C-alpha atoms as a PDB file:
ATOM      1  CA  MET A   1     107.305 119.160  94.982  1.00  0.00           C
ATOM      2  CA  SER A   2     107.555 116.995  98.101  1.00  0.00           C
ATOM      3  CA  ALA A   3     103.986 117.930  99.036  1.00  0.00           C
ATOM      4  CA  ARG A   4     102.799 116.615  95.690  1.00  0.00           C
ATOM      5  CA  MET A   5     104.631 113.350  96.279  1.00  0.00           C
ATOM      6  CA  ASP A   6     102.914 112.956  99.655  1.00  0.00           C
ATOM      7  CA  GLU A   7      99.540 113.344  97.999  1.00  0.00           C
ATOM      8  CA  TRP A   8     100.050 110.342  95.697  1.00  0.00           C
ATOM      9  CA  VAL A   9      97.294 107.828  96.527  1.00  0.00           C
ATOM     10  CA  GLY A  10      96.188 104.734  94.678  1.00  0.00           C
ATOM     11  CA  CYS A  11      93.972 101.737  95.154  1.00  0.00           C
ATOM     12  CA  ALA A  12      94.177  98.104  93.983  1.00  0.00           C
ATOM     13  CA  TYR A  13      92.553  94.747  94.696  1.00  0.00           C
ATOM     14  CA  LEU A  14      94.495  91.562  95.381  1.00  0.00           C
ATOM     15  CA  PHE A  15      92.683  88.272  94.689  1.00  0.00           C
ATOM     16  CA  LEU A  16      94.056  85.272  96.595  1.00  0.00           C
ATOM     17  CA  GLN A  17      93.273  81.602  96.220  1.00  0.00           C
ATOM     18  CA  VAL A  18      94.914  78.444  97.553  1.00  0.00           C
ATOM     19  CA  ILE A  19      94.602  75.603  95.078  1.00  0.00           C
ATOM     20  CA  SER A  20      93.923  72.922  97.658  1.00  0.00           C
ATOM     21  CA  GLU A  21      90.989  70.912  98.978  1.00  0.00           C
ATOM     22  CA  LYS A  22      92.346  71.074 102.542  1.00  0.00           C
ATOM     23  CA  VAL A  23      92.980  74.838 102.788  1.00  0.00           C
ATOM     24  CA  PHE A  24      90.221  77.233 101.754  1.00  0.00           C
ATOM     25  CA  LEU A  25      91.143  80.844 102.518  1.00  0.00           C
ATOM     26  CA  PRO A  26      87.600  82.344 102.593  1.00  0.00           C
ATOM     27  CA  THR A  27      86.495  79.738 105.137  1.00  0.00           C
ATOM     28  CA  LEU A  28      89.574  80.320 107.282  1.00  0.00           C
ATOM     29  CA  TYR A  29      89.014  84.074 107.230  1.00  0.00           C
ATOM     30  CA  ARG A  30      85.370  83.698 108.203  1.00  0.00           C
ATOM     31  CA  SER A  31      86.405  81.679 111.256  1.00  0.00           C
ATOM     32  CA  PRO A  32      86.672  83.945 114.351  1.00  0.00           C
ATOM     33  CA  GLU A  33      89.632  81.865 115.580  1.00  0.00           C
ATOM     34  CA  GLN A  34      91.588  81.865 112.297  1.00  0.00           C
ATOM     35  CA  LYS A  35      90.756  85.370 111.020  1.00  0.00           C
ATOM     36  CA  PRO A  36      93.437  87.153 113.131  1.00  0.00           C
ATOM     37  CA  CYS A  37      96.026  84.616 111.963  1.00  0.00           C
ATOM     38  CA  VAL A  38      95.233  85.187 108.289  1.00  0.00           C
ATOM     39  CA  TYR A  39      95.227  88.949 108.799  1.00  0.00           C
ATOM     40  CA  LYS A  40      98.576  88.907 110.595  1.00  0.00           C
ATOM     41  CA  ALA A  41     100.101  86.854 107.764  1.00  0.00           C
ATOM     42  CA  LEU A  42      98.806  89.399 105.243  1.00  0.00           C
ATOM     43  CA  LYS A  43     100.161  92.366 107.202  1.00  0.00           C
ATOM     44  CA  LEU A  44     103.616  90.850 107.575  1.00  0.00           C
ATOM     45  CA  ALA A  45     103.800  89.844 103.915  1.00  0.00           C
ATOM     46  CA  PHE A  46     102.843  93.375 102.824  1.00  0.00           C
ATOM     47  CA  ALA A  47     105.411  94.802 105.254  1.00  0.00           C
ATOM     48  CA  ASP A  48     108.064  92.515 103.765  1.00  0.00           C
ATOM     49  CA  SER A  49     107.197  93.729 100.270  1.00  0.00           C
ATOM     50  CA  THR A  50     107.215  97.483 100.994  1.00  0.00           C
ATOM     51  CA  GLY A  51     109.878  97.599 103.694  1.00  0.00           C
ATOM     52  CA  GLY A  52     107.621  98.531 106.604  1.00  0.00           C
ATOM     53  CA  PHE A  53     104.106  98.587 108.054  1.00  0.00           C
ATOM     54  CA  ASN A  54     103.389 102.085 106.722  1.00  0.00           C
ATOM     55  CA  GLY A  55     103.795 101.140 103.080  1.00  0.00           C
ATOM     56  CA  LEU A  56     100.108 100.493 102.460  1.00  0.00           C
ATOM     57  CA  ASP A  57      96.750 100.168 104.181  1.00  0.00           C
ATOM     58  CA  ILE A  58      94.360  97.239 104.049  1.00  0.00           C
ATOM     59  CA  LEU A  59      90.933  98.863 103.646  1.00  0.00           C
ATOM     60  CA  LYS A  60      88.837  95.724 103.458  1.00  0.00           C
ATOM     61  CA  VAL A  61      89.170  91.949 103.320  1.00  0.00           C
ATOM     62  CA  HIS A  62      86.300  90.287 101.527  1.00  0.00           C
ATOM     63  CA  SER A  63      85.493  86.557 101.413  1.00  0.00           C
ATOM     64  CA  SER A  64      84.071  85.755  98.001  1.00  0.00           C
ATOM     65  CA  ASP A  65      84.391  82.025  97.319  1.00  0.00           C
ATOM     66  CA  PRO A  66      86.822  80.830  96.127  1.00  0.00           C
ATOM     67  CA  HIS A  67      88.807  84.053  96.573  1.00  0.00           C
ATOM     68  CA  LEU A  68      89.938  86.195  99.450  1.00  0.00           C
ATOM     69  CA  ILE A  69      89.904  89.755  98.087  1.00  0.00           C
ATOM     70  CA  ILE A  70      91.997  92.457  99.739  1.00  0.00           C
ATOM     71  CA  GLN A  71      91.422  96.132  98.947  1.00  0.00           C
ATOM     72  CA  LEU A  72      94.698  98.030  99.226  1.00  0.00           C
ATOM     73  CA  LYS A  73      95.437 101.731  99.554  1.00  0.00           C
ATOM     74  CA  PHE A  74      98.934 102.998  98.696  1.00  0.00           C
ATOM     75  CA  HIS A  75      99.989 106.314 100.225  1.00  0.00           C
ATOM     76  CA  LYS A  76     103.145 106.957  98.259  1.00  0.00           C
ATOM     77  CA  LYS A  77     104.270 106.108  94.758  1.00  0.00           C
ATOM     78  CA  GLU A  78     107.544 104.618  96.013  1.00  0.00           C
ATOM     79  CA  ASN A  79     105.731 102.222  98.354  1.00  0.00           C
ATOM     80  CA  CYS A  80     103.520 101.094  95.502  1.00  0.00           C
ATOM     81  CA  ARG A  81     106.573 100.641  93.288  1.00  0.00           C
ATOM     82  CA  LYS A  82     108.264  98.429  95.904  1.00  0.00           C
ATOM     83  CA  PHE A  83     105.148  96.273  96.203  1.00  0.00           C
ATOM     84  CA  LEU A  84     104.845  95.873  92.420  1.00  0.00           C
ATOM     85  CA  GLN A  85     108.487  94.811  92.173  1.00  0.00           C
ATOM     86  CA  SER A  86     108.076  92.322  94.998  1.00  0.00           C
ATOM     87  CA  TYR A  87     104.869  91.006  93.432  1.00  0.00           C
ATOM     88  CA  GLN A  88     106.450  90.645  89.985  1.00  0.00           C
ATOM     89  CA  GLN A  89     109.528  88.841  91.301  1.00  0.00           C
ATOM     90  CA  GLY A  90     107.464  86.390  93.357  1.00  0.00           C
ATOM     91  CA  GLU A  91     108.885  87.628  96.659  1.00  0.00           C
ATOM     92  CA  PHE A  92     105.511  88.735  97.997  1.00  0.00           C
ATOM     93  CA  GLN A  93     103.942  85.372  97.158  1.00  0.00           C
ATOM     94  CA  GLU A  94     106.778  83.543  98.879  1.00  0.00           C
ATOM     95  CA  ALA A  95     106.498  85.756 101.988  1.00  0.00           C
ATOM     96  CA  LEU A  96     102.727  85.338 102.254  1.00  0.00           C
ATOM     97  CA  GLN A  97     103.004  81.594 101.753  1.00  0.00           C
ATOM     98  CA  ARG A  98     105.566  81.408 104.543  1.00  0.00           C
ATOM     99  CA  HIS A  99     103.576  83.541 106.996  1.00  0.00           C
ATOM    100  CA  LEU A 100     100.305  81.705 106.358  1.00  0.00           C
ATOM    101  CA  LYS A 101     102.005  78.384 106.959  1.00  0.00           C
ATOM    102  CA  VAL A 102     103.430  79.607 110.283  1.00  0.00           C
ATOM    103  CA  PHE A 103     100.402  81.406 111.707  1.00  0.00           C
ATOM    104  CA  LEU A 104      97.891  78.768 110.629  1.00  0.00           C
ATOM    105  CA  ALA A 105     100.209  75.995 111.915  1.00  0.00           C
ATOM    106  CA  LEU A 106     100.094  74.123 108.608  1.00  0.00           C
ATOM    107  CA  PRO A 107     102.613  71.350 107.889  1.00  0.00           C
ATOM    108  CA  SER A 108     102.506  72.354 104.218  1.00  0.00           C
ATOM    109  CA  LEU A 109     100.667  74.776 101.965  1.00  0.00           C
ATOM    110  CA  ASP A 110      99.927  74.423  98.274  1.00  0.00           C
ATOM    111  CA  PRO A 111     100.942  77.306  95.999  1.00  0.00           C
ATOM    112  CA  LEU A 112      98.924  80.500  96.185  1.00  0.00           C
ATOM    113  CA  LYS A 113      97.186  81.759  93.082  1.00  0.00           C
ATOM    114  CA  MET A 114      97.192  85.571  92.885  1.00  0.00           C
ATOM    115  CA  GLU A 115      95.718  88.261  90.696  1.00  0.00           C
ATOM    116  CA  LEU A 116      96.174  92.019  91.020  1.00  0.00           C
ATOM    117  CA  ARG A 117      93.565  94.434  89.658  1.00  0.00           C
ATOM    118  CA  ALA A 118      92.992  98.180  89.577  1.00  0.00           C
ATOM    119  CA  GLY A 119      89.521  99.036  88.350  1.00  0.00           C
ATOM    120  CA  ALA A 120      88.819  96.939  85.265  1.00  0.00           C
ATOM    121  CA  GLU A 121      92.523  96.517  84.503  1.00  0.00           C
ATOM    122  CA  LYS A 122      94.174  93.165  85.248  1.00  0.00           C
ATOM    123  CA  LEU A 123      97.663  94.267  86.230  1.00  0.00           C
ATOM    124  CA  ASP A 124      99.267  90.824  85.884  1.00  0.00           C
ATOM    125  CA  SER A 125      99.132  91.181  82.102  1.00  0.00           C
ATOM    126  CA  ILE A 126     101.103  94.461  82.249  1.00  0.00           C
ATOM    127  CA  ILE A 127     103.093  93.852  85.434  1.00  0.00           C
ATOM    128  CA  GLN A 128     106.437  94.388  83.681  1.00  0.00           C
ATOM    129  CA  GLU A 129     105.311  97.870  82.610  1.00  0.00           C
ATOM    130  CA  GLU A 130     105.914  99.408  86.017  1.00  0.00           C
ATOM    131  CA  GLU A 131     105.017 103.015  85.195  1.00  0.00           C
ATOM    132  CA  ARG A 132     101.804 101.967  83.489  1.00  0.00           C
ATOM    133  CA  CYS A 133     100.832  99.915  86.546  1.00  0.00           C
ATOM    134  CA  LEU A 134     101.570 102.851  88.833  1.00  0.00           C
ATOM    135  CA  GLU A 135      99.488 105.172  86.679  1.00  0.00           C
ATOM    136  CA  THR A 136      96.567 102.712  86.614  1.00  0.00           C
ATOM    137  CA  ILE A 137      96.642 102.277  90.388  1.00  0.00           C
ATOM    138  CA  SER A 138      96.866 106.044  90.971  1.00  0.00           C
ATOM    139  CA  GLN A 139      93.704 106.563  88.903  1.00  0.00           C
ATOM    140  CA  GLU A 140      91.752 104.396  91.352  1.00  0.00           C
ATOM    141  CA  LYS A 141      90.918 106.271  94.539  1.00  0.00           C
ATOM    142  CA  PRO A 142      89.420 104.564  97.620  1.00  0.00           C
ATOM    143  CA  ASN A 143      85.739 105.441  98.008  1.00  0.00           C
ATOM    144  CA  HIS A 144      85.467 104.566 101.698  1.00  0.00           C
ATOM    145  CA  LEU A 145      87.495 104.509 104.897  1.00  0.00           C
ATOM    146  CA  ARG A 146      89.012 101.407 106.434  1.00  0.00           C
ATOM    147  CA  ASP A 147      86.380  98.753 107.156  1.00  0.00           C
ATOM    148  CA  GLU A 148      85.390  98.540 110.841  1.00  0.00           C
ATOM    149  CA  GLU A 149      86.278  94.860 111.013  1.00  0.00           C
ATOM    150  CA  VAL A 150      89.744  95.563 109.598  1.00  0.00           C
ATOM    151  CA  ALA A 151      90.197  98.480 112.003  1.00  0.00           C
ATOM    152  CA  GLU A 152      89.494  96.137 114.919  1.00  0.00           C
ATOM    153  CA  LEU A 153      91.952  93.547 113.594  1.00  0.00           C
ATOM    154  CA  GLU A 154      94.526  96.293 113.138  1.00  0.00           C
ATOM    155  CA  ALA A 155      94.067  97.491 116.716  1.00  0.00           C
ATOM    156  CA  SER A 156      94.313  93.977 118.147  1.00  0.00           C
ATOM    157  CA  LEU A 157      97.462  93.341 116.105  1.00  0.00           C
ATOM    158  CA  MET A 158      99.087  96.510 117.454  1.00  0.00           C
ATOM    159  CA  ASN A 159      98.255  95.492 121.024  1.00  0.00           C
ATOM    160  CA  LEU A 160      99.413  91.903 120.570  1.00  0.00           C
ATOM    161  CA  THR A 161     103.042  92.555 121.492  1.00  0.00           C
ATOM    162  CA  PHE A 162     102.086  94.319 124.708  1.00  0.00           C
ATOM    163  CA  GLN A 163      99.572  91.633 125.644  1.00  0.00           C
ATOM    164  CA  GLU A 164     102.100  88.858 125.065  1.00  0.00           C
ATOM    165  CA  SER A 165     104.640  90.732 127.161  1.00  0.00           C
ATOM    166  CA  ASP A 166     102.115  91.204 129.970  1.00  0.00           C
ATOM    167  CA  SER A 167     101.082  87.549 129.765  1.00  0.00           C
ATOM    168  CA  LYS A 168     104.653  86.334 130.121  1.00  0.00           C
ATOM    169  CA  SER A 169     105.247  88.668 133.052  1.00  0.00           C
ATOM    170  CA  GLN A 170     102.037  87.541 134.753  1.00  0.00           C
ATOM    171  CA  LEU A 171     102.820  83.899 134.111  1.00  0.00           C
ATOM    172  CA  SER A 172     106.222  84.322 135.705  1.00  0.00           C
ATOM    173  CA  SER A 173     104.825  86.009 138.823  1.00  0.00           C
ATOM    174  CA  ASP A 174     102.007  83.461 139.118  1.00  0.00           C
ATOM    175  CA  SER A 175     104.501  80.630 138.854  1.00  0.00           C
ATOM    176  CA  SER A 176     106.630  82.132 141.626  1.00  0.00           C
ATOM    177  CA  PHE A 177     103.574  82.686 143.795  1.00  0.00           C
ATOM    178  CA  HIS A 178     102.390  79.084 143.477  1.00  0.00           C
ATOM    179  CA  THR A 179     105.875  77.794 144.172  1.00  0.00           C
ATOM    180  CA  LEU A 180     106.091  79.794 147.392  1.00  0.00           C
ATOM    181  CA  ASN A 181     102.523  79.140 148.447  1.00  0.00           C
ATOM    182  CA  SER A 182     101.964  75.582 147.310  1.00  0.00           C
ATOM    183  CA  SER A 183      99.063  73.824 148.955  1.00  0.00           C
ATOM    184  CA  PRO A 184      97.130  70.623 148.288  1.00  0.00           C
ATOM    185  CA  PRO A 185      94.151  70.930 145.985  1.00  0.00           C
ATOM    186  CA  SER A 186      90.798  71.605 147.556  1.00  0.00           C
ATOM    187  CA  SER A 187      88.928  68.474 148.589  1.00  0.00           C
ATOM    188  CA  SER A 188      85.510  70.074 148.135  1.00  0.00           C
ATOM    189  CA  PRO A 189      83.434  68.247 145.534  1.00  0.00           C
ATOM    190  CA  PRO A 190      83.071  69.879 142.128  1.00  0.00           C
ATOM    191  CA  GLU A 191      79.868  71.730 141.459  1.00  0.00           C
ATOM    192  CA  ILE A 192      77.399  69.771 139.404  1.00  0.00           C
ATOM    193  CA  SER A 193      75.490  71.830 136.923  1.00  0.00           C
ATOM    194  CA  LYS A 194      71.770  71.477 137.186  1.00  0.00           C
ATOM    195  CA  PRO A 195      70.121  69.872 134.182  1.00  0.00           C
ATOM    196  CA  GLN A 196      67.766  72.078 132.261  1.00  0.00           C
ATOM    197  CA  VAL A 197      64.211  71.335 133.161  1.00  0.00           C
ATOM    198  CA  GLU A 198      62.912  72.415 129.787  1.00  0.00           C
ATOM    199  CA  GLU A 199      64.456  72.342 126.360  1.00  0.00           C
ATOM    200  CA  ASP A 200      65.375  75.738 124.904  1.00  0.00           C
ATOM    201  CA  THR A 201      62.171  76.703 123.144  1.00  0.00           C
ATOM    202  CA  PHE A 202      60.274  79.761 121.944  1.00  0.00           C
ATOM    203  CA  PHE A 203      56.748  80.621 120.884  1.00  0.00           C
ATOM    204  CA  PHE A 204      55.577  81.792 117.476  1.00  0.00           C
ATOM    205  CA  GLN A 205      51.887  82.279 116.688  1.00  0.00           C
ATOM    206  CA  LYS A 206      50.968  80.512 119.944  1.00  0.00           C
ATOM    207  CA  GLN A 207      52.951  77.418 118.968  1.00  0.00           C
ATOM    208  CA  GLN A 208      56.084  76.193 120.708  1.00  0.00           C
ATOM    209  CA  PHE A 209      59.236  75.473 118.704  1.00  0.00           C
ATOM    210  CA  ALA A 210      62.647  74.140 119.661  1.00  0.00           C
ATOM    211  CA  ASN A 211      65.330  76.749 119.273  1.00  0.00           C
ATOM    212  CA  ARG A 212      68.194  75.651 117.033  1.00  0.00           C
ATOM    213  CA  LYS A 213      71.013  76.896 114.866  1.00  0.00           C
ATOM    214  CA  ILE A 214      70.192  78.397 111.489  1.00  0.00           C
ATOM    215  CA  THR A 215      70.694  75.621 108.938  1.00  0.00           C
ATOM    216  CA  PRO A 216      71.984  75.864 105.342  1.00  0.00           C
ATOM    217  CA  ASP A 217      68.402  75.200 104.200  1.00  0.00           C
ATOM    218  CA  ASP A 218      67.165  78.144 106.303  1.00  0.00           C
ATOM    219  CA  HIS A 219      69.944  80.231 104.794  1.00  0.00           C
ATOM    220  CA  GLN A 220      68.870  79.465 101.227  1.00  0.00           C
ATOM    221  CA  LYS A 221      65.170  80.055 101.916  1.00  0.00           C
ATOM    222  CA  PHE A 222      65.898  83.371 103.596  1.00  0.00           C
ATOM    223  CA  ALA A 223      68.008  84.589 100.663  1.00  0.00           C
ATOM    224  CA  LYS A 224      65.334  83.568  98.138  1.00  0.00           C
ATOM    225  CA  MET A 225      62.320  85.001  99.938  1.00  0.00           C
ATOM    226  CA  VAL A 226      63.366  88.059 101.960  1.00  0.00           C
ATOM    227  CA  SER A 227      63.656  90.241  98.837  1.00  0.00           C
ATOM    228  CA  LYS A 228      64.106  94.007  99.374  1.00  0.00           C
ATOM    229  CA  LYS A 229      63.678  93.815 103.145  1.00  0.00           C
ATOM    230  CA  TRP A 230      67.034  92.148 103.761  1.00  0.00           C
ATOM    231  CA  LYS A 231      68.521  95.392 105.112  1.00  0.00           C
ATOM    232  CA  GLN A 232      65.671  95.913 107.579  1.00  0.00           C
ATOM    233  CA  VAL A 233      66.024  92.341 108.826  1.00  0.00           C
ATOM    234  CA  GLY A 234      69.765  92.900 109.278  1.00  0.00           C
ATOM    235  CA  ARG A 235      69.122  95.992 111.362  1.00  0.00           C
ATOM    236  CA  SER A 236      66.576  94.130 113.483  1.00  0.00           C
ATOM    237  CA  LEU A 237      69.130  91.392 114.126  1.00  0.00           C
ATOM    238  CA  TYR A 238      71.644  94.047 115.154  1.00  0.00           C
ATOM    239  CA  LEU A 239      69.178  95.608 117.616  1.00  0.00           C
ATOM    240  CA  GLN A 240      68.607  92.176 119.160  1.00  0.00           C
ATOM    241  CA  THR A 241      72.202  91.024 119.379  1.00  0.00           C
ATOM    242  CA  LYS A 242      74.471  94.071 118.910  1.00  0.00           C
ATOM    243  CA  CYS A 243      76.302  91.907 116.367  1.00  0.00           C
ATOM    244  CA  ARG A 244      79.229  94.006 115.120  1.00  0.00           C
ATOM    245  CA  ALA A 245      79.080  92.439 111.667  1.00  0.00           C
ATOM    246  CA  LEU A 246      75.602  93.930 111.161  1.00  0.00           C
ATOM    247  CA  ARG A 247      76.331  97.561 111.934  1.00  0.00           C
ATOM    248  CA  ASP A 248      74.998 100.027 109.375  1.00  0.00           C
ATOM    249  CA  PRO A 249      78.366 100.572 107.599  1.00  0.00           C
ATOM    250  CA  PHE A 250      78.707  96.807 107.055  1.00  0.00           C
ATOM    251  CA  ILE A 251      75.160  96.508 105.712  1.00  0.00           C
ATOM    252  CA  ASP A 252      75.697  99.463 103.369  1.00  0.00           C
ATOM    253  CA  ASN A 253      78.965  97.936 102.140  1.00  0.00           C
ATOM    254  CA  LEU A 254      77.193  94.654 101.388  1.00  0.00           C
ATOM    255  CA  ALA A 255      74.599  96.515  99.342  1.00  0.00           C
ATOM    256  CA  VAL A 256      77.313  98.108  97.199  1.00  0.00           C
ATOM    257  CA  GLU A 257      79.563  95.048  96.892  1.00  0.00           C
ATOM    258  CA  TYR A 258      76.794  92.702  95.767  1.00  0.00           C
ATOM    259  CA  GLU A 259      74.710  95.177  93.796  1.00  0.00           C
ATOM    260  CA  ARG A 260      75.461  93.400  90.520  1.00  0.00           C
ATOM    261  CA  GLU A 261      74.618  89.955  91.923  1.00  0.00           C
ATOM    262  CA  GLY A 262      71.229  91.178  93.137  1.00  0.00           C
ATOM    263  CA  LEU A 263      68.964  90.759  96.159  1.00  0.00           C
ATOM    264  CA  TYR A 264      69.546  87.028  96.638  1.00  0.00           C
ATOM    265  CA  GLU A 265      73.307  87.397  97.079  1.00  0.00           C
ATOM    266  CA  GLN A 266      72.962  90.514  99.238  1.00  0.00           C
ATOM    267  CA  ALA A 267      70.583  88.693 101.588  1.00  0.00           C
ATOM    268  CA  TYR A 268      72.718  85.546 101.553  1.00  0.00           C
ATOM    269  CA  GLN A 269      75.879  87.444 102.494  1.00  0.00           C
ATOM    270  CA  LEU A 270      74.043  89.350 105.241  1.00  0.00           C
ATOM    271  CA  LEU A 271      72.900  86.183 106.975  1.00  0.00           C
ATOM    272  CA  ARG A 272      76.302  84.579 106.489  1.00  0.00           C
ATOM    273  CA  ARG A 273      77.903  87.553 108.272  1.00  0.00           C
ATOM    274  CA  PHE A 274      75.480  87.049 111.153  1.00  0.00           C
ATOM    275  CA  ILE A 275      76.131  83.298 111.391  1.00  0.00           C
ATOM    276  CA  ASP A 276      79.928  83.654 111.142  1.00  0.00           C
ATOM    277  CA  SER A 277      80.004  86.406 113.750  1.00  0.00           C
ATOM    278  CA  GLU A 278      77.545  84.992 116.293  1.00  0.00           C
ATOM    279  CA  GLY A 279      78.282  81.268 116.017  1.00  0.00           C
ATOM    280  CA  LYS A 280      75.999  79.323 118.380  1.00  0.00           C
ATOM    281  CA  LYS A 281      74.038  82.483 119.110  1.00  0.00           C
ATOM    282  CA  ALA A 282      72.871  82.666 115.484  1.00  0.00           C
ATOM    283  CA  THR A 283      69.600  80.862 116.227  1.00  0.00           C
ATOM    284  CA  ILE A 284      66.331  80.434 114.392  1.00  0.00           C
ATOM    285  CA  GLN A 285      64.533  82.200 117.261  1.00  0.00           C
ATOM    286  CA  ARG A 286      66.472  85.408 116.623  1.00  0.00           C
ATOM    287  CA  LEU A 287      65.940  85.235 112.886  1.00  0.00           C
ATOM    288  CA  VAL A 288      62.201  84.604 113.280  1.00  0.00           C
ATOM    289  CA  ALA A 289      61.921  87.547 115.699  1.00  0.00           C
ATOM    290  CA  ALA A 290      63.653  89.813 113.164  1.00  0.00           C
ATOM    291  CA  LEU A 291      61.316  88.599 110.418  1.00  0.00           C
ATOM    292  CA  GLU A 292      58.298  89.291 112.659  1.00  0.00           C
ATOM    293  CA  ASP A 293      59.567  92.810 113.318  1.00  0.00           C
ATOM    294  CA  ASN A 294      59.437  93.482 109.596  1.00  0.00           C
ATOM    295  CA  GLY A 295      56.114  91.810 108.794  1.00  0.00           C
ATOM    296  CA  LEU A 296      57.701  88.810 107.050  1.00  0.00           C
ATOM    297  CA  ILE A 297      55.391  86.272 108.710  1.00  0.00           C
ATOM    298  CA  SER A 298      55.130  84.012 105.676  1.00  0.00           C
ATOM    299  CA  LEU A 299      58.918  83.621 105.505  1.00  0.00           C
ATOM    300  CA  ALA A 300      59.062  82.872 109.249  1.00  0.00           C
ATOM    301  CA  GLU A 301      56.389  80.190 108.781  1.00  0.00           C
ATOM    302  CA  GLU A 302      58.377  78.717 105.896  1.00  0.00           C
ATOM    303  CA  LEU A 303      61.536  78.469 108.018  1.00  0.00           C
ATOM    304  CA  LEU A 304      59.610  76.784 110.834  1.00  0.00           C
ATOM    305  CA  GLY A 305      57.986  74.284 108.497  1.00  0.00           C
ATOM    306  CA  LEU A 306      54.422  75.467 109.093  1.00  0.00           C
ATOM    307  CA  HIS A 307      53.614  75.524 105.399  1.00  0.00           C
ATOM    308  CA  GLN A 308      54.737  71.939 105.043  1.00  0.00           C
ATOM    309  CA  SER A 309      52.673  70.782 108.006  1.00  0.00           C
ATOM    310  CA  ASP A 310      49.597  72.378 106.508  1.00  0.00           C
ATOM    311  CA  LEU A 311      49.892  70.306 103.334  1.00  0.00           C
END
């Protein structure tokens, strides 16, 4: 009987939204600096609701404006029951609100809007029917392992305590060392960086172009025109940059998640992953090179304004 209890597994999706113009959860999660803070707040709030960190797994966190969508996997029926009770009584919402405020260093935070779903069923409408909710969640089984991005966040969170401990120890020893070996600052002049002789440029079809960040206009044009080759372009970008957000599992997940929305949204989300992950390194030169690799010369010309100049 106990073996059967251990085999109880269920899956649900939590939709989160902050009703505020100042705080937008999807944008915060897409920020490399803020993502770990949001994730840590989620983990602690879930731990508060189930009584420990082993109560449930976060399989994936998905930014889909205006929502942050968290895919959850429950290992045991009792853990799921505890979460449902905490969710129904508003304790989970209160805990998440508190943790987000602390880790994002916010002076205040508007109320969170939440929705819990399992498959096509909106659980908020039946949340008081605990057994029915449990049965609905148990019918939904996760169809993939933990997302690579989430696995990395999980690993960094586990190491955080040790790193902080090491940092404090190192800081203490460094402080003692400088106290014992204090000396006047070096009088040597600071190094002056040499100005770049040439602007950062690249060549395309024997013409020289200034390298620059990918703009929102580039983003829209790419999504409209790349069509079915968006996956190939993503893989070319990965080969160039080794961008973790464009590994094959991520690209395959995008294809499944945005299948209903179609090619435009799939391509749009792909390039957004690249831009969010690479930051300043997400340049037009890299995108044009990936387009060239896949024979999309016309789209590259469009992004560089060659079609306009020909008019």
